[in-house]
Every structure is written in structure tokens, then in C-alpha cells.
């Protein structure tokens, strides 16, 4: 069966905190990325979270399916990407999340 998802995102939750990444341009994002050929969506999310944060996570249930239209600029035809977001939790509970809000 063909994979229907282009990408995955993860809400990494520990107690009442969630992990949010800050991109170089200052925007906030959840960890995640593209699903590679032959990967399941859960293995893709585990790989992406590990590559971006160094964390090993347990993947739980999906919470949202969504899509968006992405174009590099207005002169080039864009594509629609289908995404799925899962709740996940760190395997090791020695992870420290910042308790102060991002401003």
C-alpha cells in the first residue's frame, strides 16, 4: 500500500510541558519532517525527532491530519503536502523542558 503522508509532526509531551523548536528565523515549530520511501509514519517521526533533538520517543495516537500548499515563490507552481501529527513522549524521563514561556 502506498504511503499517503508526505510528512509528520510530533507533540512531544512530558507532564504538562510540550517541546517547541525555535527555527533560526525565530518562528516556532514542532519536531518532524518528511516521510522517506519505505518508512512508516511512526518510524519517520521517531527518526525526525531524534535527528532534531537527540531524543528517543514513544509514539502515541495521531491527533490531527492536515495539509498545506507549499510554493518556493510565486513564480513556481507549488505542491500540496499531506501531514499527520502524533502525540509522543520521551523514553527517558531525564529530559528537562524549559518552564518559562517563549516571548
C-alpha atoms as a PDB file:
ATOM      1  CA  UNK A   1       0.000   0.000   0.000  1.00  0.00           C
ATOM      2  CA  UNK A   2       1.287   3.448  -0.888  1.00  0.00           C
ATOM      3  CA  UNK A   3       2.090   5.895   1.902  1.00  0.00           C
ATOM      4  CA  UNK A   4      -0.496   8.683   1.902  1.00  0.00           C
ATOM      5  CA  UNK A   5       1.507  11.069   4.087  1.00  0.00           C
ATOM      6  CA  UNK A   6       4.286  13.386   2.957  1.00  0.00           C
ATOM      7  CA  UNK A   7       5.329  14.414   6.440  1.00  0.00           C
ATOM      8  CA  UNK A   8       4.868  14.008  10.166  1.00  0.00           C
ATOM      9  CA  UNK A   9       4.963  16.267  13.227  1.00  0.00           C
ATOM     10  CA  UNK A  10       5.183  15.297  16.878  1.00  0.00           C
ATOM     11  CA  UNK A  11       3.802  16.874  20.013  1.00  0.00           C
ATOM     12  CA  UNK A  12       6.461  15.698  22.479  1.00  0.00           C
ATOM     13  CA  UNK A  13       4.824  15.923  25.883  1.00  0.00           C
ATOM     14  CA  UNK A  14       6.224  15.413  29.375  1.00  0.00           C
ATOM     15  CA  UNK A  15       3.781  16.052  32.197  1.00  0.00           C
ATOM     16  CA  UNK A  16       2.225  19.441  31.394  1.00  0.00           C
ATOM     17  CA  UNK A  17       5.074  20.661  29.113  1.00  0.00           C
ATOM     18  CA  UNK A  18       5.475  20.306  25.358  1.00  0.00           C
ATOM     19  CA  UNK A  19       8.619  20.580  23.268  1.00  0.00           C
ATOM     20  CA  UNK A  20       8.672  23.503  20.835  1.00  0.00           C
ATOM     21  CA  UNK A  21      11.587  24.135  18.472  1.00  0.00           C
ATOM     22  CA  UNK A  22      12.724  27.652  17.602  1.00  0.00           C
ATOM     23  CA  UNK A  23      13.797  27.980  13.965  1.00  0.00           C
ATOM     24  CA  UNK A  24      16.748  30.222  13.005  1.00  0.00           C
ATOM     25  CA  UNK A  25      14.277  32.886  11.825  1.00  0.00           C
ATOM     26  CA  UNK A  26      12.595  32.886  15.262  1.00  0.00           C
ATOM     27  CA  UNK A  27       9.405  31.054  14.299  1.00  0.00           C
ATOM     28  CA  UNK A  28       8.192  28.165  16.430  1.00  0.00           C
ATOM     29  CA  UNK A  29       7.633  24.633  15.171  1.00  0.00           C
ATOM     30  CA  UNK A  30       7.055  21.089  16.321  1.00  0.00           C
ATOM     31  CA  UNK A  31       9.698  18.482  15.532  1.00  0.00           C
ATOM     32  CA  UNK A  32       9.060  16.444  12.413  1.00  0.00           C
ATOM     33  CA  UNK A  33       9.702  16.243   8.722  1.00  0.00           C
ATOM     34  CA  UNK A  34       9.359  14.172   5.580  1.00  0.00           C
ATOM     35  CA  UNK A  35       8.443  10.503   5.402  1.00  0.00           C
ATOM     36  CA  UNK A  36      11.087   8.728   3.309  1.00  0.00           C
ATOM     37  CA  UNK A  37      10.323   5.912   0.857  1.00  0.00           C
ATOM     38  CA  UNK A  38       9.800   2.628   2.680  1.00  0.00           C
ATOM     39  CA  UNK A  39       9.294   4.282   6.091  1.00  0.00           C
ATOM     40  CA  UNK A  40       6.181   4.002   8.197  1.00  0.00           C
ATOM     41  CA  UNK A  41       4.824   7.286   9.518  1.00  0.00           C
ATOM     42  CA  UNK A  42       5.726   6.342  13.091  1.00  0.00           C
ATOM     43  CA  UNK A  43       9.294   5.327  12.214  1.00  0.00           C
ATOM     44  CA  UNK A  44       9.676   8.561  10.213  1.00  0.00           C
ATOM     45  CA  UNK A  45       8.554  10.604  13.218  1.00  0.00           C
ATOM     46  CA  UNK A  46      10.879   8.725  15.592  1.00  0.00           C
ATOM     47  CA  UNK A  47      13.788   9.372  13.195  1.00  0.00           C
ATOM     48  CA  UNK A  48      12.941  13.062  12.693  1.00  0.00           C
ATOM     49  CA  UNK A  49      12.544  13.775  16.415  1.00  0.00           C
ATOM     50  CA  UNK A  50      15.828  12.005  17.137  1.00  0.00           C
ATOM     51  CA  UNK A  51      17.664  13.894  14.359  1.00  0.00           C
ATOM     52  CA  UNK A  52      16.324  17.271  15.508  1.00  0.00           C
ATOM     53  CA  UNK A  53      16.529  16.835  19.287  1.00  0.00           C
ATOM     54  CA  UNK A  54      18.550  13.725  20.146  1.00  0.00           C
ATOM     55  CA  UNK A  55      15.516  12.301  21.969  1.00  0.00           C
ATOM     56  CA  UNK A  56      14.204   8.777  21.632  1.00  0.00           C
ATOM     57  CA  UNK A  57      10.423   8.871  21.887  1.00  0.00           C
ATOM     58  CA  UNK A  58       7.407   6.630  22.162  1.00  0.00           C
ATOM     59  CA  UNK A  59       4.785   7.488  19.532  1.00  0.00           C
ATOM     60  CA  UNK A  60       1.153   7.517  20.671  1.00  0.00           C
ATOM     61  CA  UNK A  61      -2.071   8.197  18.790  1.00  0.00           C
ATOM     62  CA  UNK A  62      -2.447  10.655  15.917  1.00  0.00           C
ATOM     63  CA  UNK A  63      -4.227  13.866  16.897  1.00  0.00           C
ATOM     64  CA  UNK A  64      -4.543  15.787  13.631  1.00  0.00           C
ATOM     65  CA  UNK A  65      -4.418  15.265   9.878  1.00  0.00           C
ATOM     66  CA  UNK A  66      -3.784  18.369   7.792  1.00  0.00           C
ATOM     67  CA  UNK A  67      -2.457  19.623   4.500  1.00  0.00           C
ATOM     68  CA  UNK A  68      -0.984  22.826   3.162  1.00  0.00           C
ATOM     69  CA  UNK A  69       0.049  24.305  -0.135  1.00  0.00           C
ATOM     70  CA  UNK A  70       3.774  24.952  -0.379  1.00  0.00           C
ATOM     71  CA  UNK A  71       5.422  27.040  -3.047  1.00  0.00           C
ATOM     72  CA  UNK A  72       9.037  28.238  -3.080  1.00  0.00           C
ATOM     73  CA  UNK A  73       7.927  31.533  -4.590  1.00  0.00           C
ATOM     74  CA  UNK A  74       5.022  32.948  -6.569  1.00  0.00           C
ATOM     75  CA  UNK A  75       6.629  32.147  -9.936  1.00  0.00           C
ATOM     76  CA  UNK A  76       6.934  28.395  -9.386  1.00  0.00           C
ATOM     77  CA  UNK A  77       3.973  26.045  -9.165  1.00  0.00           C
ATOM     78  CA  UNK A  78       3.637  24.664  -5.639  1.00  0.00           C
ATOM     79  CA  UNK A  79       2.581  21.330  -4.201  1.00  0.00           C
ATOM     80  CA  UNK A  80       0.093  20.254  -1.553  1.00  0.00           C
ATOM     81  CA  UNK A  81       1.674  18.331   1.313  1.00  0.00           C
ATOM     82  CA  UNK A  82      -0.354  15.942   3.480  1.00  0.00           C
ATOM     83  CA  UNK A  83       0.752  15.812   7.105  1.00  0.00           C
ATOM     84  CA  UNK A  84      -0.186  13.916  10.266  1.00  0.00           C
ATOM     85  CA  UNK A  85       0.596  14.927  13.857  1.00  0.00           C
ATOM     86  CA  UNK A  86       1.074  12.446  16.731  1.00  0.00           C
ATOM     87  CA  UNK A  87       1.360  12.797  20.489  1.00  0.00           C
ATOM     88  CA  UNK A  88       4.644  11.335  21.717  1.00  0.00           C
ATOM     89  CA  UNK A  89       6.608  11.156  24.942  1.00  0.00           C
ATOM     90  CA  UNK A  90      10.328  10.892  25.740  1.00  0.00           C
ATOM     91  CA  UNK A  91      11.533   7.361  26.525  1.00  0.00           C
ATOM     92  CA  UNK A  92      13.882   8.771  29.160  1.00  0.00           C
ATOM     93  CA  UNK A  93      12.332  10.975  31.769  1.00  0.00           C
ATOM     94  CA  UNK A  94      15.594  12.791  32.459  1.00  0.00           C
ATOM     95  CA  UNK A  95      14.619  15.336  29.784  1.00  0.00           C
ATOM     96  CA  UNK A  96      14.354  18.876  31.096  1.00  0.00           C
ATOM     97  CA  UNK A  97      11.929  21.210  29.398  1.00  0.00           C
ATOM     98  CA  UNK A  98      12.145  24.937  29.966  1.00  0.00           C
ATOM     99  CA  UNK A  99       9.363  26.107  32.246  1.00  0.00           C
ATOM    100  CA  UNK A 100       9.400  29.722  31.093  1.00  0.00           C
ATOM    101  CA  UNK A 101       7.194  30.735  28.155  1.00  0.00           C
ATOM    102  CA  UNK A 102       8.770  31.883  24.899  1.00  0.00           C
ATOM    103  CA  UNK A 103       8.351  35.597  24.332  1.00  0.00           C
END
